[in-house]
């Protein structure tokens, strides 16, 4: 686990349950958390991934969304380190 990165796994959740869980983690995130890493997977479909990228691009706590090489992960950046 990286310090400052809160990783959550929403595999096997409905998109509504995943959204509720992500919302709760954003609310609970402590000040030292600068990134919420959402592991959503991609082999079972893209509904959750698409929901995350649409719903959180303008969220008040999210300054940007980053996509890595792993298609099953989306990072919600809460603040910049530098």
PDB file of N, CA and C in Angstrom:
ATOM      1  N   UNK A   1       0.833  -1.191   0.000  1.00  0.00           N
ATOM      2  CA  UNK A   1       0.000   0.000   0.000  1.00  0.00           C
ATOM      3  C   UNK A   1       0.876   1.252   0.000  1.00  0.00           C
ATOM      4  N   UNK A   2       0.553   2.174  -0.855  1.00  0.00           N
ATOM      5  CA  UNK A   2       1.252   3.448  -0.892  1.00  0.00           C
ATOM      6  C   UNK A   2       0.656   4.385   0.145  1.00  0.00           C
ATOM      7  N   UNK A   3       1.525   5.113   0.835  1.00  0.00           N
ATOM      8  CA  UNK A   3       1.044   6.098   1.798  1.00  0.00           C
ATOM      9  C   UNK A   3       0.348   7.210   1.030  1.00  0.00           C
ATOM     10  N   UNK A   4      -0.831   7.577   1.464  1.00  0.00           N
ATOM     11  CA  UNK A   4      -1.589   8.620   0.799  1.00  0.00           C
ATOM     12  C   UNK A   4      -2.511   8.124  -0.292  1.00  0.00           C
ATOM     13  N   UNK A   5      -2.412   6.835  -0.606  1.00  0.00           N
ATOM     14  CA  UNK A   5      -3.276   6.251  -1.630  1.00  0.00           C
ATOM     15  C   UNK A   5      -4.222   5.276  -0.944  1.00  0.00           C
ATOM     16  N   UNK A   6      -5.497   5.548  -1.048  1.00  0.00           N
ATOM     17  CA  UNK A   6      -6.519   4.653  -0.510  1.00  0.00           C
ATOM     18  C   UNK A   6      -7.042   3.819  -1.662  1.00  0.00           C
ATOM     19  N   UNK A   7      -6.828   2.514  -1.588  1.00  0.00           N
ATOM     20  CA  UNK A   7      -7.263   1.623  -2.663  1.00  0.00           C
ATOM     21  C   UNK A   7      -8.525   0.892  -2.234  1.00  0.00           C
ATOM     22  N   UNK A   8      -9.535   0.957  -3.091  1.00  0.00           N
ATOM     23  CA  UNK A   8     -10.781   0.250  -2.813  1.00  0.00           C
ATOM     24  C   UNK A   8     -11.104  -0.649  -3.998  1.00  0.00           C
ATOM     25  N   UNK A   9     -11.769  -1.744  -3.718  1.00  0.00           N
ATOM     26  CA  UNK A   9     -12.107  -2.719  -4.742  1.00  0.00           C
ATOM     27  C   UNK A   9     -13.624  -2.800  -4.877  1.00  0.00           C
ATOM     28  N   UNK A  10     -14.111  -2.525  -6.070  1.00  0.00           N
ATOM     29  CA  UNK A  10     -15.556  -2.555  -6.308  1.00  0.00           C
ATOM     30  C   UNK A  10     -15.945  -3.682  -7.266  1.00  0.00           C
ATOM     31  N   UNK A  11     -15.039  -4.666  -7.427  1.00  0.00           N
ATOM     32  CA  UNK A  11     -15.362  -5.843  -8.234  1.00  0.00           C
ATOM     33  C   UNK A  11     -16.659  -6.471  -7.722  1.00  0.00           C
ATOM     34  N   UNK A  12     -17.402  -7.028  -8.599  1.00  0.00           N
ATOM     35  CA  UNK A  12     -18.617  -7.786  -8.246  1.00  0.00           C
ATOM     36  C   UNK A  12     -19.712  -6.945  -7.600  1.00  0.00           C
ATOM     37  N   UNK A  13     -19.603  -5.624  -7.671  1.00  0.00           N
ATOM     38  CA  UNK A  13     -20.674  -4.763  -7.167  1.00  0.00           C
ATOM     39  C   UNK A  13     -21.507  -4.290  -8.356  1.00  0.00           C
ATOM     40  N   UNK A  14     -22.763  -3.973  -8.087  1.00  0.00           N
ATOM     41  CA  UNK A  14     -23.544  -3.283  -9.111  1.00  0.00           C
ATOM     42  C   UNK A  14     -22.984  -1.867  -9.217  1.00  0.00           C
ATOM     43  N   UNK A  15     -23.283  -1.163 -10.298  1.00  0.00           N
ATOM     44  CA  UNK A  15     -22.742   0.189 -10.420  1.00  0.00           C
ATOM     45  C   UNK A  15     -23.317   1.112  -9.360  1.00  0.00           C
ATOM     46  N   UNK A  16     -24.572   0.876  -8.955  1.00  0.00           N
ATOM     47  CA  UNK A  16     -25.170   1.711  -7.903  1.00  0.00           C
ATOM     48  C   UNK A  16     -24.487   1.474  -6.555  1.00  0.00           C
ATOM     49  N   UNK A  17     -24.211   0.220  -6.246  1.00  0.00           N
ATOM     50  CA  UNK A  17     -23.521  -0.111  -4.991  1.00  0.00           C
ATOM     51  C   UNK A  17     -22.098   0.437  -5.023  1.00  0.00           C
ATOM     52  N   UNK A  18     -21.436   0.319  -6.173  1.00  0.00           N
ATOM     53  CA  UNK A  18     -20.074   0.836  -6.310  1.00  0.00           C
ATOM     54  C   UNK A  18     -20.055   2.347  -6.104  1.00  0.00           C
ATOM     55  N   UNK A  19     -21.008   3.057  -6.685  1.00  0.00           N
ATOM     56  CA  UNK A  19     -21.076   4.512  -6.531  1.00  0.00           C
ATOM     57  C   UNK A  19     -21.290   4.886  -5.071  1.00  0.00           C
ATOM     58  N   UNK A  20     -22.182   4.192  -4.397  1.00  0.00           N
ATOM     59  CA  UNK A  20     -22.439   4.454  -2.989  1.00  0.00           C
ATOM     60  C   UNK A  20     -21.174   4.226  -2.153  1.00  0.00           C
ATOM     61  N   UNK A  21     -20.456   3.160  -2.445  1.00  0.00           N
ATOM     62  CA  UNK A  21     -19.232   2.844  -1.711  1.00  0.00           C
ATOM     63  C   UNK A  21     -18.141   3.886  -1.981  1.00  0.00           C
ATOM     64  N   UNK A  22     -17.972   4.269  -3.235  1.00  0.00           N
ATOM     65  CA  UNK A  22     -16.985   5.286  -3.581  1.00  0.00           C
ATOM     66  C   UNK A  22     -17.330   6.601  -2.890  1.00  0.00           C
ATOM     67  N   UNK A  23     -18.600   6.987  -2.938  1.00  0.00           N
ATOM     68  CA  UNK A  23     -19.037   8.216  -2.261  1.00  0.00           C
ATOM     69  C   UNK A  23     -18.699   8.179  -0.776  1.00  0.00           C
ATOM     70  N   UNK A  24     -18.948   7.057  -0.136  1.00  0.00           N
ATOM     71  CA  UNK A  24     -18.666   6.954   1.300  1.00  0.00           C
ATOM     72  C   UNK A  24     -17.170   7.053   1.577  1.00  0.00           C
ATOM     73  N   UNK A  25     -16.349   6.470   0.704  1.00  0.00           N
ATOM     74  CA  UNK A  25     -14.905   6.539   0.897  1.00  0.00           C
ATOM     75  C   UNK A  25     -14.371   7.948   0.645  1.00  0.00           C
ATOM     76  N   UNK A  26     -14.951   8.657  -0.299  1.00  0.00           N
ATOM     77  CA  UNK A  26     -14.564  10.051  -0.525  1.00  0.00           C
ATOM     78  C   UNK A  26     -14.900  10.909   0.696  1.00  0.00           C
ATOM     79  N   UNK A  27     -16.051  10.650   1.301  1.00  0.00           N
ATOM     80  CA  UNK A  27     -16.470  11.394   2.487  1.00  0.00           C
ATOM     81  C   UNK A  27     -15.554  11.099   3.671  1.00  0.00           C
ATOM     82  N   UNK A  28     -15.165   9.838   3.835  1.00  0.00           N
ATOM     83  CA  UNK A  28     -14.348   9.416   4.970  1.00  0.00           C
ATOM     84  C   UNK A  28     -12.854   9.669   4.787  1.00  0.00           C
ATOM     85  N   UNK A  29     -12.412   9.974   3.577  1.00  0.00           N
ATOM     86  CA  UNK A  29     -10.973  10.112   3.306  1.00  0.00           C
ATOM     87  C   UNK A  29     -10.337  11.164   4.207  1.00  0.00           C
ATOM     88  N   UNK A  30      -9.266  10.773   4.859  1.00  0.00           N
ATOM     89  CA  UNK A  30      -8.552  11.691   5.744  1.00  0.00           C
ATOM     90  C   UNK A  30      -7.706  12.647   4.911  1.00  0.00           C
ATOM     91  N   UNK A  31      -7.207  13.671   5.567  1.00  0.00           N
ATOM     92  CA  UNK A  31      -6.461  14.722   4.864  1.00  0.00           C
ATOM     93  C   UNK A  31      -5.177  14.218   4.228  1.00  0.00           C
ATOM     94  N   UNK A  32      -4.619  13.114   4.732  1.00  0.00           N
ATOM     95  CA  UNK A  32      -3.374  12.606   4.152  1.00  0.00           C
ATOM     96  C   UNK A  32      -3.613  11.761   2.893  1.00  0.00           C
ATOM     97  N   UNK A  33      -4.851  11.498   2.565  1.00  0.00           N
ATOM     98  CA  UNK A  33      -5.170  10.737   1.354  1.00  0.00           C
ATOM     99  C   UNK A  33      -5.241  11.711   0.183  1.00  0.00           C
ATOM    100  N   UNK A  34      -4.362  11.498  -0.795  1.00  0.00           N
ATOM    101  CA  UNK A  34      -4.358  12.370  -1.963  1.00  0.00           C
ATOM    102  C   UNK A  34      -4.889  11.680  -3.212  1.00  0.00           C
ATOM    103  N   UNK A  35      -5.093  10.365  -3.123  1.00  0.00           N
ATOM    104  CA  UNK A  35      -5.544   9.611  -4.283  1.00  0.00           C
ATOM    105  C   UNK A  35      -6.429   8.451  -3.834  1.00  0.00           C
ATOM    106  N   UNK A  36      -7.574   8.309  -4.466  1.00  0.00           N
ATOM    107  CA  UNK A  36      -8.454   7.171  -4.230  1.00  0.00           C
ATOM    108  C   UNK A  36      -8.343   6.275  -5.453  1.00  0.00           C
ATOM    109  N   UNK A  37      -7.729   5.122  -5.278  1.00  0.00           N
ATOM    110  CA  UNK A  37      -7.534   4.171  -6.374  1.00  0.00           C
ATOM    111  C   UNK A  37      -8.687   3.182  -6.370  1.00  0.00           C
ATOM    112  N   UNK A  38      -9.464   3.206  -7.442  1.00  0.00           N
ATOM    113  CA  UNK A  38     -10.645   2.353  -7.548  1.00  0.00           C
ATOM    114  C   UNK A  38     -10.332   1.193  -8.480  1.00  0.00           C
ATOM    115  N   UNK A  39     -10.350  -0.014  -7.920  1.00  0.00           N
ATOM    116  CA  UNK A  39     -10.134  -1.224  -8.703  1.00  0.00           C
ATOM    117  C   UNK A  39     -11.512  -1.726  -9.108  1.00  0.00           C
ATOM    118  N   UNK A  40     -11.817  -1.612 -10.391  1.00  0.00           N
ATOM    119  CA  UNK A  40     -13.148  -1.976 -10.872  1.00  0.00           C
ATOM    120  C   UNK A  40     -13.122  -3.151 -11.831  1.00  0.00           C
ATOM    121  N   UNK A  41     -11.960  -3.516 -12.320  1.00  0.00           N
ATOM    122  CA  UNK A  41     -11.853  -4.590 -13.291  1.00  0.00           C
ATOM    123  C   UNK A  41     -12.312  -4.129 -14.666  1.00  0.00           C
ATOM    124  N   UNK A  42     -12.125  -4.998 -15.646  1.00  0.00           N
ATOM    125  CA  UNK A  42     -12.574  -4.655 -16.988  1.00  0.00           C
ATOM    126  C   UNK A  42     -13.041  -5.857 -17.788  1.00  0.00           C
ATOM    127  N   UNK A  43     -12.745  -7.038 -17.341  1.00  0.00           N
ATOM    128  CA  UNK A  43     -13.149  -8.231 -18.097  1.00  0.00           C
ATOM    129  C   UNK A  43     -14.640  -8.522 -17.990  1.00  0.00           C
ATOM    130  N   UNK A  44     -15.247  -8.110 -16.902  1.00  0.00           N
ATOM    131  CA  UNK A  44     -16.668  -8.365 -16.699  1.00  0.00           C
ATOM    132  C   UNK A  44     -17.562  -7.287 -17.277  1.00  0.00           C
ATOM    133  N   UNK A  45     -16.999  -6.352 -17.995  1.00  0.00           N
ATOM    134  CA  UNK A  45     -17.767  -5.249 -18.563  1.00  0.00           C
ATOM    135  C   UNK A  45     -17.198  -3.919 -18.139  1.00  0.00           C
ATOM    136  N   UNK A  46     -17.738  -2.851 -18.695  1.00  0.00           N
ATOM    137  CA  UNK A  46     -17.177  -1.528 -18.443  1.00  0.00           C
ATOM    138  C   UNK A  46     -18.169  -0.576 -17.778  1.00  0.00           C
ATOM    139  N   UNK A  47     -19.281  -1.078 -17.321  1.00  0.00           N
ATOM    140  CA  UNK A  47     -20.318  -0.214 -16.757  1.00  0.00           C
ATOM    141  C   UNK A  47     -19.819   0.589 -15.552  1.00  0.00           C
ATOM    142  N   UNK A  48     -19.115  -0.068 -14.639  1.00  0.00           N
ATOM    143  CA  UNK A  48     -18.614   0.627 -13.444  1.00  0.00           C
ATOM    144  C   UNK A  48     -17.517   1.612 -13.838  1.00  0.00           C
ATOM    145  N   UNK A  49     -16.611   1.209 -14.715  1.00  0.00           N
ATOM    146  CA  UNK A  49     -15.548   2.098 -15.168  1.00  0.00           C
ATOM    147  C   UNK A  49     -16.130   3.360 -15.813  1.00  0.00           C
ATOM    148  N   UNK A  50     -17.099   3.194 -16.668  1.00  0.00           N
ATOM    149  CA  UNK A  50     -17.729   4.340 -17.334  1.00  0.00           C
ATOM    150  C   UNK A  50     -18.450   5.239 -16.331  1.00  0.00           C
ATOM    151  N   UNK A  51     -19.128   4.622 -15.356  1.00  0.00           N
ATOM    152  CA  UNK A  51     -19.818   5.403 -14.331  1.00  0.00           C
ATOM    153  C   UNK A  51     -18.819   6.235 -13.541  1.00  0.00           C
ATOM    154  N   UNK A  52     -17.710   5.643 -13.141  1.00  0.00           N
ATOM    155  CA  UNK A  52     -16.698   6.354 -12.359  1.00  0.00           C
ATOM    156  C   UNK A  52     -16.173   7.550 -13.143  1.00  0.00           C
ATOM    157  N   UNK A  53     -15.828   7.313 -14.384  1.00  0.00           N
ATOM    158  CA  UNK A  53     -15.227   8.372 -15.194  1.00  0.00           C
ATOM    159  C   UNK A  53     -16.216   9.478 -15.538  1.00  0.00           C
ATOM    160  N   UNK A  54     -17.488   9.165 -15.583  1.00  0.00           N
ATOM    161  CA  UNK A  54     -18.507  10.182 -15.858  1.00  0.00           C
ATOM    162  C   UNK A  54     -18.925  10.919 -14.580  1.00  0.00           C
ATOM    163  N   UNK A  55     -19.238  10.166 -13.530  1.00  0.00           N
ATOM    164  CA  UNK A  55     -19.776  10.754 -12.303  1.00  0.00           C
ATOM    165  C   UNK A  55     -18.757  11.578 -11.517  1.00  0.00           C
ATOM    166  N   UNK A  56     -17.487  11.210 -11.578  1.00  0.00           N
ATOM    167  CA  UNK A  56     -16.503  11.841 -10.697  1.00  0.00           C
ATOM    168  C   UNK A  56     -15.613  12.859 -11.393  1.00  0.00           C
ATOM    169  N   UNK A  57     -15.787  13.075 -12.691  1.00  0.00           N
ATOM    170  CA  UNK A  57     -14.932  14.058 -13.371  1.00  0.00           C
ATOM    171  C   UNK A  57     -15.218  15.483 -12.905  1.00  0.00           C
ATOM    172  N   UNK A  58     -16.422  15.742 -12.389  1.00  0.00           N
ATOM    173  CA  UNK A  58     -16.762  17.076 -11.887  1.00  0.00           C
ATOM    174  C   UNK A  58     -17.105  17.069 -10.393  1.00  0.00           C
ATOM    175  N   UNK A  59     -16.673  16.033  -9.687  1.00  0.00           N
ATOM    176  CA  UNK A  59     -16.948  15.917  -8.252  1.00  0.00           C
ATOM    177  C   UNK A  59     -16.137  16.957  -7.492  1.00  0.00           C
ATOM    178  N   UNK A  60     -16.733  17.536  -6.472  1.00  0.00           N
ATOM    179  CA  UNK A  60     -16.086  18.621  -5.720  1.00  0.00           C
ATOM    180  C   UNK A  60     -14.765  18.226  -5.073  1.00  0.00           C
ATOM    181  N   UNK A  61     -14.576  16.960  -4.724  1.00  0.00           N
ATOM    182  CA  UNK A  61     -13.336  16.535  -4.071  1.00  0.00           C
ATOM    183  C   UNK A  61     -12.289  16.016  -5.055  1.00  0.00           C
ATOM    184  N   UNK A  62     -12.678  15.781  -6.284  1.00  0.00           N
ATOM    185  CA  UNK A  62     -11.777  15.183  -7.275  1.00  0.00           C
ATOM    186  C   UNK A  62     -11.245  16.273  -8.204  1.00  0.00           C
ATOM    187  N   UNK A  63      -9.917  16.456  -8.200  1.00  0.00           N
ATOM    188  CA  UNK A  63      -9.355  17.489  -9.075  1.00  0.00           C
ATOM    189  C   UNK A  63      -9.098  16.953 -10.485  1.00  0.00           C
ATOM    190  N   UNK A  64      -8.879  15.644 -10.595  1.00  0.00           N
ATOM    191  CA  UNK A  64      -8.756  15.027 -11.917  1.00  0.00           C
ATOM    192  C   UNK A  64      -8.837  13.513 -11.784  1.00  0.00           C
ATOM    193  N   UNK A  65      -9.040  12.879 -12.909  1.00  0.00           N
ATOM    194  CA  UNK A  65      -9.084  11.419 -12.983  1.00  0.00           C
ATOM    195  C   UNK A  65      -7.894  10.970 -13.808  1.00  0.00           C
ATOM    196  N   UNK A  66      -7.199   9.937 -13.329  1.00  0.00           N
ATOM    197  CA  UNK A  66      -6.050   9.403 -14.063  1.00  0.00           C
ATOM    198  C   UNK A  66      -6.284   7.936 -14.374  1.00  0.00           C
ATOM    199  N   UNK A  67      -5.843   7.563 -15.560  1.00  0.00           N
ATOM    200  CA  UNK A  67      -5.942   6.187 -16.024  1.00  0.00           C
ATOM    201  C   UNK A  67      -4.525   5.660 -16.190  1.00  0.00           C
ATOM    202  N   UNK A  68      -4.291   4.474 -15.687  1.00  0.00           N
ATOM    203  CA  UNK A  68      -2.967   3.881 -15.814  1.00  0.00           C
ATOM    204  C   UNK A  68      -2.922   2.838 -16.913  1.00  0.00           C
ATOM    205  N   UNK A  69      -1.865   2.086 -16.919  1.00  0.00           N
ATOM    206  CA  UNK A  69      -1.722   1.011 -17.897  1.00  0.00           C
ATOM    207  C   UNK A  69      -2.691  -0.132 -17.620  1.00  0.00           C
ATOM    208  N   UNK A  70      -3.063  -0.298 -16.359  1.00  0.00           N
ATOM    209  CA  UNK A  70      -4.026  -1.332 -15.988  1.00  0.00           C
ATOM    210  C   UNK A  70      -5.431  -0.806 -16.257  1.00  0.00           C
ATOM    211  N   UNK A  71      -6.122  -1.399 -17.220  1.00  0.00           N
ATOM    212  CA  UNK A  71      -7.457  -0.949 -17.602  1.00  0.00           C
ATOM    213  C   UNK A  71      -8.500  -1.150 -16.512  1.00  0.00           C
ATOM    214  N   UNK A  72      -8.175  -1.936 -15.516  1.00  0.00           N
ATOM    215  CA  UNK A  72      -9.118  -2.230 -14.444  1.00  0.00           C
ATOM    216  C   UNK A  72      -9.023  -1.302 -13.251  1.00  0.00           C
ATOM    217  N   UNK A  73      -8.241  -0.219 -13.387  1.00  0.00           N
ATOM    218  CA  UNK A  73      -8.043   0.716 -12.280  1.00  0.00           C
ATOM    219  C   UNK A  73      -8.245   2.146 -12.768  1.00  0.00           C
ATOM    220  N   UNK A  74      -8.962   2.931 -11.958  1.00  0.00           N
ATOM    221  CA  UNK A  74      -9.098   4.362 -12.192  1.00  0.00           C
ATOM    222  C   UNK A  74      -8.721   5.081 -10.914  1.00  0.00           C
ATOM    223  N   UNK A  75      -7.856   6.089 -11.023  1.00  0.00           N
ATOM    224  CA  UNK A  75      -7.443   6.876  -9.865  1.00  0.00           C
ATOM    225  C   UNK A  75      -8.205   8.195  -9.833  1.00  0.00           C
ATOM    226  N   UNK A  76      -8.807   8.483  -8.695  1.00  0.00           N
ATOM    227  CA  UNK A  76      -9.429   9.772  -8.455  1.00  0.00           C
ATOM    228  C   UNK A  76      -8.426  10.578  -7.641  1.00  0.00           C
ATOM    229  N   UNK A  77      -7.873  11.617  -8.242  1.00  0.00           N
ATOM    230  CA  UNK A  77      -6.863  12.442  -7.577  1.00  0.00           C
ATOM    231  C   UNK A  77      -7.561  13.518  -6.770  1.00  0.00           C
ATOM    232  N   UNK A  78      -7.302  13.523  -5.465  1.00  0.00           N
ATOM    233  CA  UNK A  78      -7.964  14.451  -4.549  1.00  0.00           C
ATOM    234  C   UNK A  78      -7.154  15.717  -4.326  1.00  0.00           C
ATOM    235  N   UNK A  79      -5.832  15.597  -4.410  1.00  0.00           N
ATOM    236  CA  UNK A  79      -4.962  16.771  -4.314  1.00  0.00           C
ATOM    237  C   UNK A  79      -3.602  16.427  -4.880  1.00  0.00           C
ATOM    238  N   UNK A  80      -2.905  17.467  -5.332  1.00  0.00           N
ATOM    239  CA  UNK A  80      -1.555  17.290  -5.855  1.00  0.00           C
ATOM    240  C   UNK A  80      -0.568  17.317  -4.709  1.00  0.00           C
ATOM    241  N   UNK A  81       0.481  16.536  -4.849  1.00  0.00           N
ATOM    242  CA  UNK A  81       1.517  16.514  -3.819  1.00  0.00           C
ATOM    243  C   UNK A  81       2.445  17.718  -3.938  1.00  0.00           C
ATOM    244  N   UNK A  82       2.675  18.171  -5.151  1.00  0.00           N
ATOM    245  CA  UNK A  82       3.605  19.288  -5.358  1.00  0.00           C
ATOM    246  C   UNK A  82       2.956  20.364  -6.170  1.00  0.00           C
TER     247      UNK A  82
END
